[in-house]
Amino acid sequence: MRVAEWLLDSPRLGENTNVKHIAGRLLKQPAREGVVAAQSRLGQLMCRECGNARDRRIGQDLLRQAARRGISARNRNWA
């Protein structure tokens, strides 16, 4: 997860299509496990970079899941 974030946040590396592909693969498993930060980054990546509607739809679903989990975690902390 840290490596994927570093790759995407690096000014030169983050623009390379192959690097984005590697970062996406590194984010996939944590996103499946419910890590909100991974779901958010992978969702953004898929919405911005993928050319087909299926991948963009998956990206939107990941962003929705991340938003739901982020809100529910905040509500638990306030209780």
Protein backbone atom coordinates (compact mmCIF):
# COMPACT_ATOMS: atom_id res chain seq x y z
CA MET A 1 0.00 0.00 0.00
CA ARG A 2 2.78 2.45 0.91
CA VAL A 3 4.70 1.63 -2.24
CA ALA A 4 1.60 2.18 -4.39
CA GLU A 5 0.94 5.56 -2.76
CA TRP A 6 4.58 6.54 -3.21
CA LEU A 7 4.48 5.57 -6.89
CA LEU A 8 1.31 7.55 -7.52
CA ASP A 9 2.44 10.59 -5.52
CA SER A 10 5.87 10.75 -7.17
CA PRO A 11 5.75 13.56 -9.76
CA ARG A 12 7.60 11.75 -12.56
CA LEU A 13 6.64 8.17 -11.83
CA GLY A 14 2.97 8.95 -11.23
CA GLU A 15 2.48 10.05 -14.83
CA ASN A 16 3.73 6.78 -16.35
CA THR A 17 0.97 4.40 -17.47
CA ASN A 18 2.96 1.30 -16.50
CA VAL A 19 3.58 2.68 -13.01
CA LYS A 20 -0.14 3.38 -12.60
CA HIS A 21 -0.85 -0.22 -13.62
CA ILE A 22 1.60 -1.55 -11.02
CA ALA A 23 0.18 0.75 -8.33
CA GLY A 24 -3.33 -0.42 -9.18
CA ARG A 25 -2.31 -4.04 -8.79
CA LEU A 26 -0.69 -3.25 -5.42
CA LEU A 27 -3.86 -1.51 -4.23
CA LYS A 28 -6.25 -4.23 -5.37
CA GLN A 29 -5.87 -6.66 -2.44
CA PRO A 30 -6.05 -4.06 0.36
CA ALA A 31 -9.11 -2.56 -1.36
CA ARG A 32 -10.78 -5.99 -1.39
CA GLU A 33 -9.98 -6.35 2.31
CA GLY A 34 -11.81 -3.10 3.04
CA VAL A 35 -8.92 -0.68 3.59
CA VAL A 36 -10.60 2.68 3.01
CA ALA A 37 -7.48 4.47 1.75
CA ALA A 38 -6.81 1.71 -0.80
CA GLN A 39 -10.43 1.73 -1.98
CA SER A 40 -10.31 5.48 -2.40
CA ARG A 41 -7.00 5.61 -4.30
CA LEU A 42 -7.87 2.66 -6.54
CA GLY A 43 -11.32 4.09 -7.22
CA GLN A 44 -9.84 7.45 -8.21
CA LEU A 45 -7.25 5.76 -10.39
CA MET A 46 -9.85 3.65 -12.17
CA CYS A 47 -12.23 6.57 -12.71
CA ARG A 48 -9.50 8.81 -14.14
CA GLU A 49 -7.34 6.41 -16.11
CA CYS A 50 -9.52 3.59 -17.41
CA GLY A 51 -10.96 3.95 -20.86
CA ASN A 52 -13.90 1.61 -20.60
CA ALA A 53 -17.22 2.04 -18.81
CA ARG A 54 -16.91 -1.21 -16.83
CA ASP A 55 -13.70 -0.15 -15.08
CA ARG A 56 -15.03 3.35 -14.42
CA ARG A 57 -18.15 1.81 -12.86
CA ILE A 58 -15.98 -0.40 -10.63
CA GLY A 59 -14.00 2.70 -9.66
CA GLN A 60 -17.19 4.52 -8.70
CA ASP A 61 -18.29 1.55 -6.58
CA LEU A 62 -14.93 1.55 -4.79
CA LEU A 63 -15.28 5.27 -4.06
CA ARG A 64 -18.81 4.71 -2.70
CA GLN A 65 -17.59 1.90 -0.44
CA ALA A 66 -14.72 4.03 0.83
CA ALA A 67 -17.07 6.92 1.55
CA ARG A 68 -19.53 4.67 3.41
CA ARG A 69 -16.81 3.07 5.50
CA GLY A 70 -15.14 6.38 6.21
CA ILE A 71 -18.41 7.89 7.43
CA SER A 72 -19.33 4.86 9.55
CA ALA A 73 -15.86 4.84 11.14
CA ARG A 74 -16.20 8.52 12.02
CA ASN A 75 -19.62 7.93 13.55
CA ARG A 76 -18.23 5.12 15.74
CA ASN A 77 -15.45 7.39 16.98
CA TRP A 78 -17.95 10.06 18.00
CA ALA A 79 -20.16 7.67 19.97
